[in-house]
N, C-alpha and C. Protein backbone atom coordinates (compact mmCIF):
# COMPACT_ATOMS: atom_id res chain seq x y z
N MET A 1 2.89 20.91 -22.23
CA MET A 1 2.67 20.10 -21.16
C MET A 1 3.18 20.93 -20.01
N ALA A 2 1.97 21.17 -18.66
CA ALA A 2 1.78 22.08 -17.87
C ALA A 2 3.21 21.67 -16.89
N PRO A 3 3.61 22.69 -16.33
CA PRO A 3 4.89 22.29 -15.25
C PRO A 3 4.09 21.68 -14.08
N SER A 4 4.71 20.64 -13.62
CA SER A 4 4.70 19.67 -12.03
C SER A 4 4.77 20.51 -11.39
N GLN A 5 3.96 20.09 -10.03
CA GLN A 5 4.15 20.77 -8.76
C GLN A 5 3.85 19.18 -8.05
N GLN A 6 4.52 19.54 -6.70
CA GLN A 6 4.80 18.54 -5.77
C GLN A 6 3.66 18.33 -4.56
N PHE A 7 2.78 17.23 -4.65
CA PHE A 7 1.73 17.30 -3.60
C PHE A 7 1.95 16.02 -2.82
N SER A 8 1.19 16.54 -1.73
CA SER A 8 1.59 15.47 -0.38
C SER A 8 0.11 14.49 -0.64
N VAL A 9 -0.10 13.43 -0.79
CA VAL A 9 -0.65 12.34 -0.66
C VAL A 9 -1.09 11.40 0.32
N GLN A 10 -2.54 11.31 1.17
CA GLN A 10 -2.81 10.59 2.09
C GLN A 10 -3.79 9.58 1.94
N VAL A 11 -3.10 8.39 2.03
CA VAL A 11 -4.27 7.25 1.70
C VAL A 11 -4.48 6.73 2.65
N GLU A 12 -6.18 6.49 3.24
CA GLU A 12 -6.74 5.73 4.27
C GLU A 12 -7.54 4.33 3.65
N VAL A 13 -7.08 3.13 4.33
CA VAL A 13 -7.77 2.08 3.55
C VAL A 13 -8.50 1.26 4.72
N LEU A 14 -9.89 1.01 4.95
CA LEU A 14 -10.60 0.12 5.59
C LEU A 14 -11.32 -0.72 4.61
N LEU A 15 -11.56 -1.83 5.85
CA LEU A 15 -12.40 -2.72 5.65
C LEU A 15 -13.78 -2.08 4.93
N ARG A 16 -14.45 -2.61 4.25
CA ARG A 16 -15.81 -2.23 4.06
C ARG A 16 -16.66 -2.81 4.74
N ASP A 17 -17.49 -1.83 4.67
CA ASP A 17 -18.66 -2.36 5.80
C ASP A 17 -19.42 -3.84 5.55
N GLY A 18 -19.76 -4.65 6.54
CA GLY A 18 -20.19 -5.84 6.53
C GLY A 18 -18.83 -6.63 6.39
N ILE A 19 -17.57 -6.37 6.23
CA ILE A 19 -16.48 -7.31 6.20
C ILE A 19 -15.96 -7.58 7.52
N ALA A 20 -16.13 -8.67 8.10
CA ALA A 20 -15.51 -8.74 10.02
C ALA A 20 -14.24 -7.82 9.81
N ASP A 21 -13.81 -7.38 11.09
CA ASP A 21 -12.68 -6.80 11.21
C ASP A 21 -12.47 -7.35 12.78
N PRO A 22 -11.46 -8.31 12.59
CA PRO A 22 -10.94 -9.22 14.07
C PRO A 22 -10.14 -8.73 14.50
N GLN A 23 -9.25 -7.24 14.22
CA GLN A 23 -8.31 -6.90 14.52
C GLN A 23 -8.77 -5.46 15.62
N GLY A 24 -10.08 -5.10 14.70
CA GLY A 24 -10.89 -3.67 15.65
C GLY A 24 -11.58 -4.59 16.73
N ALA A 25 -12.21 -5.49 16.56
CA ALA A 25 -12.80 -6.15 17.84
C ALA A 25 -11.69 -6.38 18.68
N THR A 26 -10.96 -6.97 18.66
CA THR A 26 -9.75 -7.25 19.49
C THR A 26 -9.52 -6.04 20.34
N ILE A 27 -9.14 -4.97 19.39
CA ILE A 27 -8.68 -3.57 20.22
C ILE A 27 -10.18 -3.02 21.11
N GLU A 28 -11.34 -3.17 20.40
CA GLU A 28 -12.24 -2.78 21.24
C GLU A 28 -12.44 -3.66 22.74
N ARG A 29 -12.77 -4.73 22.45
CA ARG A 29 -12.55 -5.79 23.75
C ARG A 29 -11.23 -5.53 24.55
N ALA A 30 -10.13 -4.99 24.39
CA ALA A 30 -9.56 -4.74 25.30
C ALA A 30 -9.24 -3.42 25.99
N LEU A 31 -9.75 -2.43 25.59
CA LEU A 31 -10.16 -0.93 25.94
C LEU A 31 -10.88 -1.04 27.39
N PRO A 32 -11.84 -1.89 27.83
CA PRO A 32 -12.13 -1.63 29.01
C PRO A 32 -10.81 -2.08 30.09
N ALA A 33 -10.33 -2.81 29.70
CA ALA A 33 -9.28 -2.87 30.62
C ALA A 33 -8.56 -1.75 30.63
N LEU A 34 -8.19 -0.82 30.23
CA LEU A 34 -7.38 0.38 30.28
C LEU A 34 -8.05 1.17 30.86
N GLY A 35 -9.61 0.74 31.16
CA GLY A 35 -10.26 2.16 31.68
C GLY A 35 -11.15 2.92 31.08
N LEU A 36 -11.31 2.19 29.59
CA LEU A 36 -11.81 3.20 28.40
C LEU A 36 -13.05 2.80 28.24
N ASP A 37 -14.09 2.81 28.73
CA ASP A 37 -15.22 2.34 28.51
C ASP A 37 -16.24 2.91 27.23
N GLY A 38 -15.93 3.83 27.14
CA GLY A 38 -16.81 4.69 26.45
C GLY A 38 -16.48 4.31 24.56
N VAL A 39 -15.30 3.82 24.23
CA VAL A 39 -15.06 3.56 22.97
C VAL A 39 -15.64 2.59 22.18
N THR A 40 -16.09 2.72 21.15
CA THR A 40 -16.93 1.73 20.68
C THR A 40 -16.80 1.80 18.74
N ALA A 41 -17.32 0.81 18.22
CA ALA A 41 -17.40 0.91 16.89
C ALA A 41 -15.78 1.12 16.13
N VAL A 42 -14.88 0.28 16.88
CA VAL A 42 -13.35 0.55 16.51
C VAL A 42 -13.21 -0.25 15.49
N ARG A 43 -12.67 0.34 14.10
CA ARG A 43 -12.14 -0.07 12.80
C ARG A 43 -10.90 -0.14 12.71
N ALA A 44 -10.02 -0.86 12.21
CA ALA A 44 -8.46 -1.22 11.86
C ALA A 44 -8.19 -1.01 10.80
N GLY A 45 -7.33 -0.34 9.95
CA GLY A 45 -6.97 0.10 8.89
C GLY A 45 -5.39 0.21 8.79
N LYS A 46 -5.68 0.72 7.20
CA LYS A 46 -3.86 1.00 6.85
C LYS A 46 -4.02 2.66 6.79
N SER A 47 -2.71 3.40 6.90
CA SER A 47 -2.60 4.67 6.41
C SER A 47 -1.12 4.88 5.60
N PHE A 48 -1.36 5.46 4.34
CA PHE A 48 0.05 5.36 3.49
C PHE A 48 0.38 6.79 3.18
N ARG A 49 1.08 7.66 3.24
CA ARG A 49 1.24 8.89 2.67
C ARG A 49 2.91 8.71 1.39
N PHE A 50 2.44 9.75 0.45
CA PHE A 50 3.90 9.51 -0.06
C PHE A 50 3.40 11.12 -0.89
N ASP A 51 4.08 11.38 -1.90
CA ASP A 51 4.34 12.37 -2.71
C ASP A 51 4.43 12.33 -4.07
N ILE A 52 3.66 13.08 -4.92
CA ILE A 52 3.44 12.82 -6.00
C ILE A 52 3.51 14.06 -6.85
N ALA A 53 4.10 14.22 -7.98
CA ALA A 53 4.21 15.25 -9.04
C ALA A 53 3.26 15.36 -10.19
N ALA A 54 2.47 16.22 -10.17
CA ALA A 54 1.05 16.48 -10.93
C ALA A 54 1.04 17.66 -11.28
N SER A 55 0.70 17.96 -12.49
CA SER A 55 -0.03 19.31 -13.19
C SER A 55 -0.60 20.18 -12.26
N ASP A 56 -1.70 19.68 -11.66
CA ASP A 56 -2.78 20.31 -10.88
C ASP A 56 -3.21 19.38 -9.89
N ASP A 57 -4.19 20.04 -8.67
CA ASP A 57 -4.57 19.00 -7.47
C ASP A 57 -5.54 18.14 -8.46
N ALA A 58 -6.18 18.19 -9.46
CA ALA A 58 -7.24 16.87 -10.06
C ALA A 58 -6.06 15.82 -10.72
N ASP A 59 -5.54 16.42 -11.33
CA ASP A 59 -4.13 15.17 -11.85
C ASP A 59 -3.64 14.71 -10.52
N ALA A 60 -3.40 15.28 -9.40
CA ALA A 60 -2.63 14.22 -8.34
C ALA A 60 -3.47 13.67 -7.82
N LEU A 61 -4.97 14.22 -7.95
CA LEU A 61 -6.01 13.03 -7.05
C LEU A 61 -6.42 11.77 -7.86
N ALA A 62 -6.13 12.20 -9.24
CA ALA A 62 -6.50 10.95 -10.28
C ALA A 62 -5.45 9.94 -10.27
N GLN A 63 -4.12 10.42 -10.27
CA GLN A 63 -3.02 9.66 -10.33
C GLN A 63 -2.69 8.54 -8.47
N ALA A 64 -3.21 9.71 -7.71
CA ALA A 64 -3.48 8.83 -6.20
C ALA A 64 -4.37 7.62 -6.30
N THR A 65 -5.24 8.22 -6.72
CA THR A 65 -6.91 7.10 -6.76
C THR A 65 -6.07 5.75 -7.20
N VAL A 66 -5.48 6.22 -8.60
CA VAL A 66 -5.09 5.29 -9.31
C VAL A 66 -3.88 3.88 -8.47
N VAL A 67 -2.95 5.13 -7.74
CA VAL A 67 -2.24 4.11 -6.93
C VAL A 67 -2.98 3.32 -5.60
N ALA A 68 -4.08 3.93 -5.23
CA ALA A 68 -4.82 3.57 -3.98
C ALA A 68 -5.68 2.29 -4.95
N ASP A 69 -6.26 2.42 -5.78
CA ASP A 69 -7.33 0.81 -6.10
C ASP A 69 -6.57 0.05 -6.82
N ARG A 70 -5.10 0.32 -7.23
CA ARG A 70 -4.52 -0.54 -7.91
C ARG A 70 -3.28 -1.23 -7.08
N LEU A 71 -3.13 -0.79 -6.13
CA LEU A 71 -1.58 -1.24 -5.25
C LEU A 71 -2.12 -1.35 -3.97
N LEU A 72 -2.78 -0.33 -3.35
CA LEU A 72 -2.71 -0.13 -1.65
C LEU A 72 -3.95 -0.73 -1.11
N ALA A 73 -5.05 -1.06 -1.94
CA ALA A 73 -6.24 -1.47 -1.54
C ALA A 73 -6.84 -2.52 -2.27
N ASN A 74 -7.17 -3.65 -1.41
CA ASN A 74 -7.97 -4.44 -2.19
C ASN A 74 -9.47 -4.62 -2.53
N PRO A 75 -9.94 -4.21 -3.63
CA PRO A 75 -11.18 -3.50 -3.73
C PRO A 75 -12.50 -4.69 -3.64
N VAL A 76 -11.88 -5.98 -3.25
CA VAL A 76 -13.40 -6.58 -3.25
C VAL A 76 -13.52 -6.57 -1.60
N ILE A 77 -12.82 -6.18 -0.39
CA ILE A 77 -12.60 -6.03 0.70
C ILE A 77 -12.71 -4.71 1.30
N GLU A 78 -11.81 -4.43 0.69
CA GLU A 78 -11.22 -3.05 1.06
C GLU A 78 -11.88 -1.57 0.19
N GLU A 79 -11.97 -0.32 1.29
CA GLU A 79 -11.99 0.93 0.48
C GLU A 79 -11.16 2.05 0.98
N SER A 80 -10.67 2.65 -0.04
CA SER A 80 -9.76 3.71 0.16
C SER A 80 -10.52 5.25 0.04
N VAL A 81 -9.75 6.30 1.24
CA VAL A 81 -10.14 7.61 1.01
C VAL A 81 -8.58 8.06 0.86
N VAL A 82 -8.47 8.92 -0.33
CA VAL A 82 -7.43 9.45 -0.59
C VAL A 82 -7.80 11.28 -0.70
N THR A 83 -6.77 11.83 0.06
CA THR A 83 -6.34 13.48 -0.04
C THR A 83 -5.35 13.90 -0.47
N VAL A 84 -5.38 14.86 -1.14
CA VAL A 84 -4.32 15.43 -1.72
C VAL A 84 -4.20 16.85 -1.26
N ARG A 85 -3.12 17.72 -1.10
CA ARG A 85 -2.96 18.60 -0.61
C ARG A 85 -1.34 19.47 -1.14
N PRO A 86 -1.08 20.16 -1.48
CA PRO A 86 0.10 20.82 -2.04
C PRO A 86 1.15 20.60 -1.29
N ALA A 87 2.05 20.09 -1.13
CA ALA A 87 3.82 19.49 -0.52
C ALA A 87 3.96 20.99 0.12
N GLY A 88 3.96 20.69 1.48
CA GLY A 88 4.69 21.59 2.31
C GLY A 88 3.32 22.57 2.98
N SER A 89 2.26 22.36 2.77
CA SER A 89 1.10 22.72 3.58
C SER A 89 1.15 22.00 4.53
N PRO A 90 0.50 22.33 5.72
CA PRO A 90 -0.37 21.92 7.07
C PRO A 90 -1.40 20.97 6.74
N ALA A 91 -1.09 20.04 7.38
CA ALA A 91 -1.78 18.64 7.02
C ALA A 91 -3.27 18.68 7.90
C-alpha cells in the first residue's frame, strides 16, 4: 500500500442549467440598488472545503468526487466541480 498524503479539496455545487435559481435572481435584482448595474447572470451555490488522505492526486480526486456526488450535491438538480491540490499549497 502506497503511503498516504494529505490533499485539500474544494467542491463547488451549483444548480444545473435550466433549473430555476431564485436566490441568484433575488441577488441580481438587488444589485442595482447598490449601484452595481453591470452585474448579470448571478448564480448562487455552495462551496465545501475539506482535507483527504490519499495515495496520489488521482486517488484524492476519485474519493472527493464520490463525496461530492453521493453526499454534497443532489445529482438531479445540481452539478459539482471538484478541485484537489496538495495540502499546504497555495489556493
